[in-house]
N, C-alpha and C. Protein backbone atom coordinates (compact mmCIF):
# COMPACT_ATOMS: atom_id res chain seq x y z
N UNK A 1 14.07 -18.75 9.50
CA UNK A 1 14.25 -17.69 9.72
C UNK A 1 13.83 -16.21 9.32
N UNK A 2 13.09 -15.38 10.45
CA UNK A 2 12.23 -14.14 9.73
C UNK A 2 13.21 -13.55 8.88
N UNK A 3 12.09 -12.71 7.99
CA UNK A 3 12.64 -11.22 7.22
C UNK A 3 13.26 -10.48 8.12
N UNK A 4 12.96 -10.04 9.08
CA UNK A 4 13.70 -8.99 10.01
C UNK A 4 15.30 -9.53 10.78
N UNK A 5 15.46 -10.40 11.05
CA UNK A 5 16.67 -11.63 11.25
C UNK A 5 17.53 -11.44 9.85
N UNK A 6 16.66 -11.81 8.61
CA UNK A 6 17.60 -11.75 7.54
C UNK A 6 18.17 -10.43 7.09
N UNK A 7 17.30 -9.23 7.44
CA UNK A 7 17.56 -8.10 7.01
C UNK A 7 18.80 -7.57 8.55
N UNK A 8 18.49 -7.72 9.18
CA UNK A 8 19.69 -7.20 10.14
C UNK A 8 21.29 -7.83 10.04
N UNK A 9 21.05 -9.45 9.37
CA UNK A 9 22.11 -10.44 9.04
C UNK A 9 22.78 -8.98 7.77
N UNK A 10 21.69 -8.94 7.01
CA UNK A 10 22.35 -7.92 5.42
C UNK A 10 22.94 -6.85 6.15
N UNK A 11 22.67 -6.32 6.68
CA UNK A 11 23.00 -5.05 7.06
C UNK A 11 24.55 -4.97 7.45
N UNK A 12 24.98 -6.07 8.07
CA UNK A 12 26.56 -6.21 8.44
C UNK A 12 27.27 -6.79 7.70
N UNK A 13 26.67 -7.30 6.25
CA UNK A 13 27.39 -7.45 5.32
C UNK A 13 28.44 -6.83 4.96
N UNK A 14 28.25 -5.26 4.72
CA UNK A 14 29.33 -4.40 4.38
C UNK A 14 30.57 -4.25 5.10
N UNK A 15 30.05 -4.27 6.11
CA UNK A 15 31.10 -3.54 7.66
C UNK A 15 32.26 -4.77 7.46
N UNK A 16 31.41 -6.00 7.79
CA UNK A 16 32.12 -7.79 7.61
C UNK A 16 33.53 -7.47 6.62
N UNK A 17 32.82 -7.33 5.13
CA UNK A 17 33.44 -7.20 3.82
C UNK A 17 34.60 -6.24 4.04
N UNK A 18 34.27 -4.96 4.51
CA UNK A 18 35.51 -4.44 4.70
C UNK A 18 36.29 -4.57 5.74
N UNK A 19 36.18 -5.08 6.59
CA UNK A 19 37.25 -6.07 7.75
C UNK A 19 37.88 -7.58 7.08
N UNK A 20 37.43 -7.98 6.53
CA UNK A 20 38.03 -9.31 5.43
C UNK A 20 39.35 -8.32 4.31
N UNK A 21 38.28 -7.52 3.89
CA UNK A 21 39.37 -6.87 2.92
C UNK A 21 40.59 -6.02 3.35
N UNK A 22 40.37 -5.74 4.37
CA UNK A 22 41.37 -5.00 4.80
C UNK A 22 42.66 -6.14 5.70
N UNK A 23 42.05 -7.02 6.18
CA UNK A 23 43.09 -8.20 6.23
C UNK A 23 43.40 -8.81 5.50
N UNK A 24 43.07 -9.54 4.20
CA UNK A 24 43.43 -9.82 3.22
C UNK A 24 44.79 -8.88 2.72
N UNK A 25 44.31 -7.39 2.38
CA UNK A 25 45.13 -6.59 2.00
C UNK A 25 46.77 -6.75 3.15
N UNK A 26 46.20 -6.48 4.25
CA UNK A 26 47.43 -6.77 5.16
C UNK A 26 48.27 -8.12 5.11
N UNK A 27 47.64 -9.44 5.16
CA UNK A 27 48.21 -10.58 5.30
C UNK A 27 49.28 -10.19 3.45
N UNK A 28 48.53 -10.05 2.33
CA UNK A 28 49.39 -10.11 1.23
C UNK A 28 50.69 -9.21 1.27
N UNK A 29 50.27 -7.69 2.02
CA UNK A 29 51.57 -6.81 1.93
C UNK A 29 52.57 -7.60 2.99
N UNK A 30 51.78 -8.31 3.92
CA UNK A 30 53.12 -8.69 4.98
C UNK A 30 53.47 -10.31 4.25
N UNK A 31 53.07 -10.50 3.48
CA UNK A 31 53.85 -12.05 2.46
C UNK A 31 54.94 -11.43 1.35
N UNK A 32 55.06 -9.87 1.54
CA UNK A 32 55.80 -9.66 0.58
C UNK A 32 55.62 -9.18 -1.12
N UNK A 33 54.36 -9.46 -1.31
CA UNK A 33 53.45 -9.41 -2.44
C UNK A 33 52.80 -7.59 -2.40
N UNK A 34 52.66 -7.37 -3.47
CA UNK A 34 52.18 -6.10 -3.95
C UNK A 34 50.66 -5.92 -4.12
N UNK A 35 49.97 -4.82 -4.02
CA UNK A 35 48.81 -5.07 -4.08
C UNK A 35 48.49 -3.87 -4.88
N UNK A 36 47.36 -3.60 -5.88
CA UNK A 36 46.56 -2.73 -6.19
C UNK A 36 45.98 -2.17 -5.97
N UNK A 37 45.62 -0.70 -6.18
CA UNK A 37 44.97 0.32 -5.06
C UNK A 37 44.76 1.41 -5.81
N UNK A 38 43.26 1.91 -6.00
CA UNK A 38 42.94 3.18 -6.55
C UNK A 38 42.70 4.08 -5.86
N UNK A 39 43.09 5.29 -6.42
CA UNK A 39 43.34 6.74 -4.96
C UNK A 39 43.04 7.84 -6.33
N UNK A 40 41.80 8.79 -5.99
CA UNK A 40 41.95 9.88 -6.45
C UNK A 40 41.98 9.54 -8.14
N UNK A 41 41.32 8.78 -8.62
CA UNK A 41 41.14 8.43 -10.28
C UNK A 41 42.53 7.63 -10.77
N UNK A 42 43.44 7.28 -9.92
CA UNK A 42 44.62 7.06 -10.26
C UNK A 42 44.95 5.26 -9.96
N UNK A 43 45.47 4.49 -10.73
CA UNK A 43 45.77 2.47 -10.38
C UNK A 43 47.03 2.97 -9.77
N UNK A 44 47.70 2.83 -8.73
CA UNK A 44 49.04 2.72 -8.03
C UNK A 44 48.99 1.07 -7.82
N UNK A 45 50.22 0.57 -7.95
CA UNK A 45 50.75 -0.80 -7.22
C UNK A 45 51.79 -0.19 -6.08
N UNK A 46 50.75 -0.50 -4.78
CA UNK A 46 51.68 -0.79 -3.47
C UNK A 46 52.42 -1.95 -3.01
N UNK A 47 54.07 -1.58 -2.86
CA UNK A 47 54.21 -2.23 -2.42
C UNK A 47 54.63 -2.44 -0.19
N UNK A 48 55.30 -4.03 -0.44
CA UNK A 48 55.00 -3.88 1.63
C UNK A 48 55.88 -2.57 1.88
N UNK A 49 56.88 -1.84 1.45
CA UNK A 49 57.64 -0.84 1.92
C UNK A 49 56.84 0.14 2.14
N UNK A 50 56.13 0.48 1.54
CA UNK A 50 54.93 1.60 1.51
C UNK A 50 54.86 2.55 -0.25
N UNK A 51 55.88 2.10 -0.85
CA UNK A 51 55.76 3.03 -2.30
C UNK A 51 55.24 2.56 -3.06
N UNK A 52 54.23 3.53 -3.27
CA UNK A 52 53.79 3.40 -4.93
C UNK A 52 54.09 3.82 -6.37
N UNK A 53 53.43 2.79 -6.98
CA UNK A 53 54.18 2.83 -8.33
C UNK A 53 52.90 3.12 -9.58
N UNK A 54 52.83 4.36 -10.43
CA UNK A 54 51.66 4.70 -11.04
C UNK A 54 51.27 3.58 -12.02
N UNK A 55 50.12 3.31 -12.14
CA UNK A 55 49.84 2.11 -12.93
C UNK A 55 48.94 2.79 -14.30
N UNK A 56 48.05 3.51 -14.02
CA UNK A 56 47.42 4.08 -15.14
C UNK A 56 46.21 5.05 -14.17
N UNK A 57 45.46 5.95 -15.49
CA UNK A 57 44.61 6.84 -14.56
C UNK A 57 43.40 5.74 -14.95
N UNK A 58 42.75 5.92 -14.11
CA UNK A 58 41.49 5.06 -13.87
C UNK A 58 39.86 6.26 -14.28
N UNK A 59 39.02 5.77 -14.34
CA UNK A 59 37.34 6.56 -13.79
C UNK A 59 36.83 6.44 -12.23
N UNK A 60 36.93 7.97 -12.10
CA UNK A 60 36.30 7.78 -10.51
C UNK A 60 35.41 6.61 -10.09
N UNK A 61 35.27 6.68 -8.99
CA UNK A 61 34.16 5.64 -8.63
C UNK A 61 32.62 6.04 -8.33
N UNK A 62 31.72 5.40 -9.12
CA UNK A 62 30.68 5.88 -9.22
C UNK A 62 29.65 5.71 -7.92
N UNK A 63 29.18 6.73 -7.47
CA UNK A 63 28.35 6.51 -6.23
C UNK A 63 26.91 5.20 -6.56
N UNK A 64 26.82 4.45 -5.29
CA UNK A 64 26.02 3.44 -5.75
C UNK A 64 24.86 3.68 -4.51
N UNK A 65 23.30 3.65 -4.87
CA UNK A 65 22.47 4.24 -4.64
C UNK A 65 21.79 2.27 -4.00
N UNK A 66 21.67 2.39 -2.50
CA UNK A 66 21.21 1.01 -2.37
C UNK A 66 19.84 0.66 -2.83
N UNK A 67 19.23 -0.76 -3.18
CA UNK A 67 18.40 -1.12 -3.49
C UNK A 67 18.46 -0.81 -5.12
N UNK A 68 19.29 0.03 -5.37
CA UNK A 68 18.93 0.17 -6.92
C UNK A 68 20.09 -0.86 -8.13
N UNK A 69 19.43 -0.99 -9.36
CA UNK A 69 20.19 -2.28 -9.92
C UNK A 69 20.60 -1.65 -10.88
N UNK A 70 22.02 -2.09 -11.35
CA UNK A 70 23.05 -1.82 -12.07
C UNK A 70 22.95 -2.65 -13.09
N UNK A 71 23.37 -1.74 -14.19
CA UNK A 71 24.02 -3.06 -15.41
C UNK A 71 25.54 -2.60 -15.71
N UNK A 72 25.97 -3.98 -16.01
CA UNK A 72 27.29 -3.56 -15.74
C UNK A 72 27.88 -3.78 -17.63
N UNK A 73 28.20 -2.78 -18.25
CA UNK A 73 28.83 -2.89 -19.35
C UNK A 73 30.34 -3.41 -19.91
């Protein structure tokens, strides 16, 4: 497989992961379970009927630059 072909496949990973994540979230909610969701610096538990329960405040998301290496502490 050529480098160009690999790069094209890798370029599609973010979109595919977003689709998979959204489908998994729908599946969990459809099964009657709750999910955790971060929104505007707040972590919520979201229930199948749509209501949200505050869990805690969290740090806002950090922007990620493509190709840069990050150290997680």
